[in-house]
Every structure is written in C-alpha cells, then in structure tokens.
C-alpha cells in the first residue's frame, strides 16, 4: 500500500472574528483512507472539520481536509454591524393613525379608509360620488393599507473558547446593544432595541457567537409584552452577552 502523500497547494485565511480555516490536499491509495485517514500536518494544530475527495486519473484519491479554529480568540476581533432596512407594516401601526382616521375618514366595518373625505357636503346630500351631480372629494388615503417603516438589525459577532452563559440572559427584553454609541445614530425617539436569541456555531476548537438586536417600530417595544426574559431570568436592562 502506498504511503499517503501531502500535496502542494495549502490555502486558508482568518475571518473577521479571528477563526482560521486551512485546506490541506494530500493523496492516498484507497477509498477507505480517503474517508478516514488524517495525517499529521506540520505546523497545523487545528482540528479537521470536513473533508472532500475524488478519484485520481493516475490512481488513488486526492483528498482535501479543512481545519478550523483559533488558538486564542482576541477581544479586538469582535465585529459590530447594523443592517438597516425598510419594510411594509399595516397602516394601523402608524403613530398618527388616529389623526389620519379623523382627517381622511375610516370605515370601521371594512377596516379601511373611506373613498370620500368625511364631512364633505358639496354633493348636496348624495351618498355616492358616482351619482349624478356629485362633487365629493375622494380621499387620497383610499386604498392605502400599509406604509414603509424603517427597521434595523444590530449584530455582534466574535469567537470564543466557551459559550458564556450571559448570552442567553435577557432574551426577548429591551436591551442597549453593546458599542451602539459608536454608530452615531440620530435620535430614535421612542424606538428601542430588543435582544433576540443568539446564534452559536462550533467551528473546530472554537465557537462563533452572534448576538442580534432588533430595532422597534416608532412606538417602541411595549414593556407590557417584552418585560420578562424568555428563558425565565429577570431582566437587568443592561447589554448582556459580552
């Protein structure tokens, strides 16, 4: 049986949270070795997380191992990002909805804005604009069912050797995201941030952690709904998770 041979062409890199990925090609003689053989790779102490292989035209198999991890994740490799967006929301969620109803008319039975402006009697008492002689003014809100609302997700990503218990605290409650002040956001008014469940992924000998915070609508996250942490612990109102 031929001795497995490491080939030229090692490649890799370090991502934004400090986790290193290295791919190492080598050649083996049998399919069994392609599936299970792991050589000792000079200078590489990271664990193998995946492998791929294909049969070579010259005989044997070409195998590529992927090694991942970090010797010691660094504090300064935390990444902070805001993903802003615009999304449609029901017009009833508009903070000035009561004023819009009064100004443009609202049909409670249909749950929509009326076709004509309220209090307009220029039609001489005719109920419908389609009737002869009617000059009633149509409401520009007629047919409007939604409006565009600015939103955002705030993410903190980093690598760790262990999973801190703090990342599961305060889930589903209003939190101040860590380092949010560095983004120099405008005055958010009543808007605030809700801590979502974290994402945790094993990557070799390290763990990639992503914390997420969702920006509320114009009226903020209601404390009547989001005052108690989802996993049972009390909310201390800080930026837990780091």
C-alpha atoms as a PDB file:
ATOM      1  CA  UNK A   1       0.000   0.000   0.000  1.00  0.00           C
ATOM      2  CA  UNK A   2       1.358   3.416  -0.972  1.00  0.00           C
ATOM      3  CA  UNK A   3       2.121   5.875   1.813  1.00  0.00           C
ATOM      4  CA  UNK A   4      -0.260   8.865   1.917  1.00  0.00           C
ATOM      5  CA  UNK A   5       1.447  11.915   0.443  1.00  0.00           C
ATOM      6  CA  UNK A   6       0.792  15.567   1.297  1.00  0.00           C
ATOM      7  CA  UNK A   7       0.483  17.665  -1.879  1.00  0.00           C
ATOM      8  CA  UNK A   8       1.359  21.252  -2.674  1.00  0.00           C
ATOM      9  CA  UNK A   9      -1.438  23.812  -2.569  1.00  0.00           C
ATOM     10  CA  UNK A  10      -2.259  24.506   1.083  1.00  0.00           C
ATOM     11  CA  UNK A  11      -4.570  27.509   1.346  1.00  0.00           C
ATOM     12  CA  UNK A  12      -6.531  29.281   4.034  1.00  0.00           C
ATOM     13  CA  UNK A  13      -7.326  32.501   5.823  1.00  0.00           C
ATOM     14  CA  UNK A  14      -8.562  34.156   9.007  1.00  0.00           C
ATOM     15  CA  UNK A  15     -12.106  35.563   9.049  1.00  0.00           C
ATOM     16  CA  UNK A  16     -13.369  38.751  10.708  1.00  0.00           C
ATOM     17  CA  UNK A  17     -13.932  37.132  14.104  1.00  0.00           C
ATOM     18  CA  UNK A  18     -10.461  35.578  14.191  1.00  0.00           C
ATOM     19  CA  UNK A  19     -11.242  31.963  13.273  1.00  0.00           C
ATOM     20  CA  UNK A  20      -8.693  30.394  10.944  1.00  0.00           C
ATOM     21  CA  UNK A  21      -9.615  27.987   8.121  1.00  0.00           C
ATOM     22  CA  UNK A  22      -6.938  25.922   6.355  1.00  0.00           C
ATOM     23  CA  UNK A  23      -7.370  23.461   3.483  1.00  0.00           C
ATOM     24  CA  UNK A  24      -4.694  20.786   3.011  1.00  0.00           C
ATOM     25  CA  UNK A  25      -4.541  18.498  -0.059  1.00  0.00           C
ATOM     26  CA  UNK A  26      -2.961  15.040   0.024  1.00  0.00           C
ATOM     27  CA  UNK A  27      -3.022  11.769  -1.914  1.00  0.00           C
ATOM     28  CA  UNK A  28      -3.973   8.296  -0.665  1.00  0.00           C
ATOM     29  CA  UNK A  29      -4.226   4.903  -2.316  1.00  0.00           C
ATOM     30  CA  UNK A  30      -7.635   3.623  -1.194  1.00  0.00           C
ATOM     31  CA  UNK A  31     -11.182   4.829  -0.705  1.00  0.00           C
ATOM     32  CA  UNK A  32     -11.041   3.768   2.935  1.00  0.00           C
ATOM     33  CA  UNK A  33      -8.072   6.062   3.520  1.00  0.00           C
ATOM     34  CA  UNK A  34      -9.834   8.890   1.684  1.00  0.00           C
ATOM     35  CA  UNK A  35     -12.760   8.588   4.095  1.00  0.00           C
ATOM     36  CA  UNK A  36     -10.904   8.196   7.374  1.00  0.00           C
ATOM     37  CA  UNK A  37      -7.151   8.872   7.165  1.00  0.00           C
ATOM     38  CA  UNK A  38      -5.952  12.071   8.841  1.00  0.00           C
ATOM     39  CA  UNK A  39      -2.245  12.823   8.515  1.00  0.00           C
ATOM     40  CA  UNK A  40      -0.108  14.797  10.910  1.00  0.00           C
ATOM     41  CA  UNK A  41       0.259  18.204   9.258  1.00  0.00           C
ATOM     42  CA  UNK A  42       3.387  20.178  10.098  1.00  0.00           C
ATOM     43  CA  UNK A  43       2.575  23.488  11.773  1.00  0.00           C
ATOM     44  CA  UNK A  44      -1.189  22.871  11.901  1.00  0.00           C
ATOM     45  CA  UNK A  45      -2.741  22.164  15.311  1.00  0.00           C
ATOM     46  CA  UNK A  46      -6.343  22.945  14.381  1.00  0.00           C
ATOM     47  CA  UNK A  47      -8.867  20.076  14.243  1.00  0.00           C
ATOM     48  CA  UNK A  48     -10.226  18.718  10.966  1.00  0.00           C
ATOM     49  CA  UNK A  49     -13.861  19.770  10.492  1.00  0.00           C
ATOM     50  CA  UNK A  50     -14.566  18.393   6.997  1.00  0.00           C
ATOM     51  CA  UNK A  51     -13.029  16.595   4.030  1.00  0.00           C
ATOM     52  CA  UNK A  52     -13.694  16.118   0.345  1.00  0.00           C
ATOM     53  CA  UNK A  53     -12.118  13.667  -2.093  1.00  0.00           C
ATOM     54  CA  UNK A  54     -12.167  12.497  -5.685  1.00  0.00           C
ATOM     55  CA  UNK A  55     -10.636   9.590  -7.559  1.00  0.00           C
ATOM     56  CA  UNK A  56      -7.488  10.483  -9.460  1.00  0.00           C
ATOM     57  CA  UNK A  57      -6.954   9.501 -13.101  1.00  0.00           C
ATOM     58  CA  UNK A  58      -3.473   8.309 -12.132  1.00  0.00           C
ATOM     59  CA  UNK A  59      -4.896   6.027  -9.438  1.00  0.00           C
ATOM     60  CA  UNK A  60      -5.719   6.584  -5.818  1.00  0.00           C
ATOM     61  CA  UNK A  61      -7.643   9.524  -4.377  1.00  0.00           C
ATOM     62  CA  UNK A  62      -6.997  13.232  -3.954  1.00  0.00           C
ATOM     63  CA  UNK A  63      -8.285  14.370  -0.568  1.00  0.00           C
ATOM     64  CA  UNK A  64      -8.745  17.906   0.770  1.00  0.00           C
ATOM     65  CA  UNK A  65      -9.003  18.401   4.508  1.00  0.00           C
ATOM     66  CA  UNK A  66     -10.426  21.554   6.066  1.00  0.00           C
ATOM     67  CA  UNK A  67      -9.117  22.536   9.504  1.00  0.00           C
ATOM     68  CA  UNK A  68     -10.764  25.284  11.562  1.00  0.00           C
ATOM     69  CA  UNK A  69     -10.377  27.034  14.856  1.00  0.00           C
ATOM     70  CA  UNK A  70      -8.312  29.540  16.793  1.00  0.00           C
ATOM     71  CA  UNK A  71      -5.523  29.186  19.319  1.00  0.00           C
ATOM     72  CA  UNK A  72      -6.808  32.110  21.361  1.00  0.00           C
ATOM     73  CA  UNK A  73      -9.687  34.317  20.107  1.00  0.00           C
ATOM     74  CA  UNK A  74      -8.869  38.011  20.522  1.00  0.00           C
ATOM     75  CA  UNK A  75     -11.066  40.589  22.205  1.00  0.00           C
ATOM     76  CA  UNK A  76     -10.412  43.187  19.491  1.00  0.00           C
ATOM     77  CA  UNK A  77     -11.812  40.901  16.785  1.00  0.00           C
ATOM     78  CA  UNK A  78     -15.414  41.400  17.833  1.00  0.00           C
ATOM     79  CA  UNK A  79     -17.360  42.840  14.918  1.00  0.00           C
ATOM     80  CA  UNK A  80     -20.315  45.221  15.204  1.00  0.00           C
ATOM     81  CA  UNK A  81     -22.705  45.898  12.335  1.00  0.00           C
ATOM     82  CA  UNK A  82     -26.070  47.484  11.602  1.00  0.00           C
ATOM     83  CA  UNK A  83     -28.232  46.058   8.832  1.00  0.00           C
ATOM     84  CA  UNK A  84     -30.835  48.740   8.099  1.00  0.00           C
ATOM     85  CA  UNK A  85     -33.944  48.044   6.023  1.00  0.00           C
ATOM     86  CA  UNK A  86     -37.415  49.256   5.052  1.00  0.00           C
ATOM     87  CA  UNK A  87     -40.459  47.018   5.413  1.00  0.00           C
ATOM     88  CA  UNK A  88     -44.224  47.305   4.921  1.00  0.00           C
ATOM     89  CA  UNK A  89     -46.369  47.445   8.045  1.00  0.00           C
ATOM     90  CA  UNK A  90     -50.143  47.730   8.426  1.00  0.00           C
ATOM     91  CA  UNK A  91     -51.294  51.352   8.278  1.00  0.00           C
ATOM     92  CA  UNK A  92     -52.902  50.864  11.698  1.00  0.00           C
ATOM     93  CA  UNK A  93     -49.403  50.786  13.214  1.00  0.00           C
ATOM     94  CA  UNK A  94     -48.724  54.372  12.109  1.00  0.00           C
ATOM     95  CA  UNK A  95     -48.153  56.580  15.190  1.00  0.00           C
ATOM     96  CA  UNK A  96     -50.518  59.219  13.747  1.00  0.00           C
ATOM     97  CA  UNK A  97     -53.209  56.734  12.782  1.00  0.00           C
ATOM     98  CA  UNK A  98     -55.924  58.356  14.895  1.00  0.00           C
ATOM     99  CA  UNK A  99     -55.314  61.713  13.207  1.00  0.00           C
ATOM    100  CA  UNK A 100     -55.316  60.058   9.774  1.00  0.00           C
ATOM    101  CA  UNK A 101     -58.673  58.434  10.546  1.00  0.00           C
ATOM    102  CA  UNK A 102     -60.178  61.775  11.506  1.00  0.00           C
ATOM    103  CA  UNK A 103     -58.777  63.657   8.524  1.00  0.00           C
ATOM    104  CA  UNK A 104     -59.294  61.128   5.747  1.00  0.00           C
ATOM    105  CA  UNK A 105     -62.169  59.005   7.039  1.00  0.00           C
ATOM    106  CA  UNK A 106     -62.132  55.408   8.179  1.00  0.00           C
ATOM    107  CA  UNK A 107     -64.707  52.738   7.521  1.00  0.00           C
ATOM    108  CA  UNK A 108     -64.770  50.578  10.643  1.00  0.00           C
ATOM    109  CA  UNK A 109     -66.946  47.922   9.019  1.00  0.00           C
ATOM    110  CA  UNK A 110     -64.477  47.425   6.156  1.00  0.00           C
ATOM    111  CA  UNK A 111     -61.341  48.139   8.162  1.00  0.00           C
ATOM    112  CA  UNK A 112     -60.082  50.557   5.509  1.00  0.00           C
ATOM    113  CA  UNK A 113     -60.048  54.229   4.615  1.00  0.00           C
ATOM    114  CA  UNK A 114     -63.277  55.595   3.144  1.00  0.00           C
ATOM    115  CA  UNK A 115     -63.447  56.502  -0.519  1.00  0.00           C
ATOM    116  CA  UNK A 116     -64.509  60.099   0.184  1.00  0.00           C
ATOM    117  CA  UNK A 117     -63.370  62.672   2.701  1.00  0.00           C
ATOM    118  CA  UNK A 118     -65.553  62.930   5.811  1.00  0.00           C
ATOM    119  CA  UNK A 119     -67.803  65.951   6.343  1.00  0.00           C
ATOM    120  CA  UNK A 120     -67.840  66.928   2.647  1.00  0.00           C
ATOM    121  CA  UNK A 121     -71.426  68.003   1.851  1.00  0.00           C
ATOM    122  CA  UNK A 122     -70.746  69.586  -1.539  1.00  0.00           C
ATOM    123  CA  UNK A 123     -72.614  66.744  -3.198  1.00  0.00           C
ATOM    124  CA  UNK A 124     -75.903  68.101  -1.930  1.00  0.00           C
ATOM    125  CA  UNK A 125     -76.633  65.093   0.194  1.00  0.00           C
ATOM    126  CA  UNK A 126     -75.857  62.437  -2.440  1.00  0.00           C
ATOM    127  CA  UNK A 127     -74.214  59.461  -0.793  1.00  0.00           C
ATOM    128  CA  UNK A 128     -72.087  58.269  -3.677  1.00  0.00           C
ATOM    129  CA  UNK A 129     -69.618  60.067  -5.925  1.00  0.00           C
ATOM    130  CA  UNK A 130     -70.868  58.011  -8.829  1.00  0.00           C
ATOM    131  CA  UNK A 131     -74.329  59.592  -8.687  1.00  0.00           C
ATOM    132  CA  UNK A 132     -75.225  62.433 -10.971  1.00  0.00           C
ATOM    133  CA  UNK A 133     -74.251  65.876  -9.702  1.00  0.00           C
ATOM    134  CA  UNK A 134     -71.880  64.665  -7.010  1.00  0.00           C
ATOM    135  CA  UNK A 135     -68.681  66.637  -6.499  1.00  0.00           C
ATOM    136  CA  UNK A 136     -67.490  64.902  -3.333  1.00  0.00           C
ATOM    137  CA  UNK A 137     -63.726  64.846  -2.909  1.00  0.00           C
ATOM    138  CA  UNK A 138     -62.017  61.498  -2.901  1.00  0.00           C
ATOM    139  CA  UNK A 139     -59.717  60.664  -0.008  1.00  0.00           C
ATOM    140  CA  UNK A 140     -56.104  60.269  -1.052  1.00  0.00           C
ATOM    141  CA  UNK A 141     -55.804  57.581   1.627  1.00  0.00           C
ATOM    142  CA  UNK A 142     -58.432  55.428  -0.069  1.00  0.00           C
ATOM    143  CA  UNK A 143     -56.892  52.010  -0.773  1.00  0.00           C
ATOM    144  CA  UNK A 144     -53.876  52.610   1.459  1.00  0.00           C
ATOM    145  CA  UNK A 145     -53.360  49.546   3.624  1.00  0.00           C
ATOM    146  CA  UNK A 146     -49.711  49.789   4.620  1.00  0.00           C
ATOM    147  CA  UNK A 147     -46.762  52.119   4.987  1.00  0.00           C
ATOM    148  CA  UNK A 148     -42.979  51.757   4.829  1.00  0.00           C
ATOM    149  CA  UNK A 149     -41.240  51.581   8.180  1.00  0.00           C
ATOM    150  CA  UNK A 150     -37.513  51.890   8.793  1.00  0.00           C
ATOM    151  CA  UNK A 151     -36.014  48.973  10.674  1.00  0.00           C
ATOM    152  CA  UNK A 152     -32.610  47.605  11.587  1.00  0.00           C
ATOM    153  CA  UNK A 153     -30.793  44.600  12.979  1.00  0.00           C
ATOM    154  CA  UNK A 154     -27.717  45.129  15.124  1.00  0.00           C
ATOM    155  CA  UNK A 155     -25.233  42.246  15.261  1.00  0.00           C
ATOM    156  CA  UNK A 156     -22.222  41.489  17.411  1.00  0.00           C
ATOM    157  CA  UNK A 157     -20.036  38.580  16.268  1.00  0.00           C
ATOM    158  CA  UNK A 158     -16.991  37.096  17.935  1.00  0.00           C
ATOM    159  CA  UNK A 159     -15.132  33.857  18.598  1.00  0.00           C
ATOM    160  CA  UNK A 160     -14.748  32.196  21.974  1.00  0.00           C
ATOM    161  CA  UNK A 161     -13.369  29.032  23.511  1.00  0.00           C
ATOM    162  CA  UNK A 162     -16.512  28.545  25.597  1.00  0.00           C
ATOM    163  CA  UNK A 163     -20.160  29.618  25.476  1.00  0.00           C
ATOM    164  CA  UNK A 164     -20.762  32.424  28.017  1.00  0.00           C
ATOM    165  CA  UNK A 165     -23.999  31.899  29.933  1.00  0.00           C
ATOM    166  CA  UNK A 166     -24.641  35.649  29.694  1.00  0.00           C
ATOM    167  CA  UNK A 167     -25.531  35.429  26.003  1.00  0.00           C
ATOM    168  CA  UNK A 168     -28.783  33.656  26.938  1.00  0.00           C
ATOM    169  CA  UNK A 169     -29.800  36.262  29.512  1.00  0.00           C
ATOM    170  CA  UNK A 170     -32.391  38.919  28.714  1.00  0.00           C
ATOM    171  CA  UNK A 171     -33.665  37.271  25.533  1.00  0.00           C
ATOM    172  CA  UNK A 172     -36.910  38.916  24.473  1.00  0.00           C
ATOM    173  CA  UNK A 173     -36.400  42.071  26.543  1.00  0.00           C
ATOM    174  CA  UNK A 174     -35.389  45.638  25.765  1.00  0.00           C
ATOM    175  CA  UNK A 175     -31.602  45.955  25.873  1.00  0.00           C
ATOM    176  CA  UNK A 176     -28.981  48.548  24.982  1.00  0.00           C
ATOM    177  CA  UNK A 177     -26.735  46.901  22.355  1.00  0.00           C
ATOM    178  CA  UNK A 178     -23.012  46.972  23.183  1.00  0.00           C
ATOM    179  CA  UNK A 179     -20.965  49.659  21.391  1.00  0.00           C
ATOM    180  CA  UNK A 180     -24.106  51.094  19.760  1.00  0.00           C
ATOM    181  CA  UNK A 181     -22.872  54.608  20.524  1.00  0.00           C
ATOM    182  CA  UNK A 182     -20.029  54.253  18.024  1.00  0.00           C
ATOM    183  CA  UNK A 183     -22.534  54.318  15.145  1.00  0.00           C
ATOM    184  CA  UNK A 184     -23.624  57.907  15.878  1.00  0.00           C
ATOM    185  CA  UNK A 185     -27.295  57.150  15.192  1.00  0.00           C
ATOM    186  CA  UNK A 186     -29.824  60.002  15.117  1.00  0.00           C
ATOM    187  CA  UNK A 187     -32.359  60.428  17.899  1.00  0.00           C
ATOM    188  CA  UNK A 188     -34.531  57.308  17.784  1.00  0.00           C
ATOM    189  CA  UNK A 189     -37.425  58.839  19.718  1.00  0.00           C
ATOM    190  CA  UNK A 190     -39.449  56.064  21.346  1.00  0.00           C
ATOM    191  CA  UNK A 191     -37.700  53.367  19.347  1.00  0.00           C
ATOM    192  CA  UNK A 192     -35.592  50.876  21.274  1.00  0.00           C
ATOM    193  CA  UNK A 193     -33.825  47.535  20.794  1.00  0.00           C
ATOM    194  CA  UNK A 194     -34.987  44.011  21.604  1.00  0.00           C
ATOM    195  CA  UNK A 195     -32.442  41.299  22.316  1.00  0.00           C
ATOM    196  CA  UNK A 196     -33.073  38.206  20.167  1.00  0.00           C
ATOM    197  CA  UNK A 197     -31.862  34.651  20.703  1.00  0.00           C
ATOM    198  CA  UNK A 198     -28.133  34.268  19.941  1.00  0.00           C
ATOM    199  CA  UNK A 199     -26.616  32.132  17.219  1.00  0.00           C
ATOM    200  CA  UNK A 200     -23.925  29.714  18.372  1.00  0.00           C
ATOM    201  CA  UNK A 201     -21.863  27.581  15.996  1.00  0.00           C
ATOM    202  CA  UNK A 202     -18.999  25.205  16.697  1.00  0.00           C
ATOM    203  CA  UNK A 203     -16.031  25.779  14.390  1.00  0.00           C
ATOM    204  CA  UNK A 204     -13.280  23.308  15.125  1.00  0.00           C
ATOM    205  CA  UNK A 205     -11.815  24.046  18.559  1.00  0.00           C
ATOM    206  CA  UNK A 206     -13.618  27.415  18.749  1.00  0.00           C
ATOM    207  CA  UNK A 207     -17.152  28.744  18.953  1.00  0.00           C
ATOM    208  CA  UNK A 208     -18.586  31.505  16.773  1.00  0.00           C
ATOM    209  CA  UNK A 209     -21.186  33.601  18.598  1.00  0.00           C
ATOM    210  CA  UNK A 210     -23.552  36.133  17.036  1.00  0.00           C
ATOM    211  CA  UNK A 211     -25.783  38.335  19.179  1.00  0.00           C
ATOM    212  CA  UNK A 212     -28.699  40.106  17.491  1.00  0.00           C
ATOM    213  CA  UNK A 213     -30.834  43.079  18.490  1.00  0.00           C
ATOM    214  CA  UNK A 214     -33.920  44.205  16.554  1.00  0.00           C
ATOM    215  CA  UNK A 215     -34.962  47.846  16.317  1.00  0.00           C
ATOM    216  CA  UNK A 216     -38.582  48.525  17.230  1.00  0.00           C
ATOM    217  CA  UNK A 217     -41.181  50.478  15.295  1.00  0.00           C
ATOM    218  CA  UNK A 218     -41.889  54.162  16.021  1.00  0.00           C
ATOM    219  CA  UNK A 219     -43.726  53.411  19.283  1.00  0.00           C
ATOM    220  CA  UNK A 220     -41.026  51.184  20.761  1.00  0.00           C
ATOM    221  CA  UNK A 221     -41.240  47.645  22.087  1.00  0.00           C
ATOM    222  CA  UNK A 222     -44.114  47.599  24.561  1.00  0.00           C
ATOM    223  CA  UNK A 223     -42.984  46.788  28.096  1.00  0.00           C
ATOM    224  CA  UNK A 224     -46.345  45.133  28.733  1.00  0.00           C
ATOM    225  CA  UNK A 225     -45.267  42.432  26.275  1.00  0.00           C
ATOM    226  CA  UNK A 226     -41.467  42.445  26.450  1.00  0.00           C
ATOM    227  CA  UNK A 227     -40.733  42.981  30.145  1.00  0.00           C
ATOM    228  CA  UNK A 228     -39.843  39.389  31.093  1.00  0.00           C
ATOM    229  CA  UNK A 229     -36.885  37.422  29.723  1.00  0.00           C
ATOM    230  CA  UNK A 230     -37.905  34.441  27.598  1.00  0.00           C
ATOM    231  CA  UNK A 231     -35.729  31.962  29.491  1.00  0.00           C
ATOM    232  CA  UNK A 232     -37.050  32.878  32.914  1.00  0.00           C
ATOM    233  CA  UNK A 233     -34.373  35.071  34.459  1.00  0.00           C
ATOM    234  CA  UNK A 234     -35.092  38.660  35.444  1.00  0.00           C
ATOM    235  CA  UNK A 235     -34.162  41.492  33.116  1.00  0.00           C
ATOM    236  CA  UNK A 236     -31.438  43.777  34.409  1.00  0.00           C
ATOM    237  CA  UNK A 237     -31.684  46.177  31.461  1.00  0.00           C
ATOM    238  CA  UNK A 238     -28.016  46.024  30.525  1.00  0.00           C
ATOM    239  CA  UNK A 239     -26.336  44.949  27.321  1.00  0.00           C
ATOM    240  CA  UNK A 240     -25.724  41.374  28.489  1.00  0.00           C
ATOM    241  CA  UNK A 241     -23.927  38.862  26.327  1.00  0.00           C
ATOM    242  CA  UNK A 242     -20.377  40.216  26.250  1.00  0.00           C
END
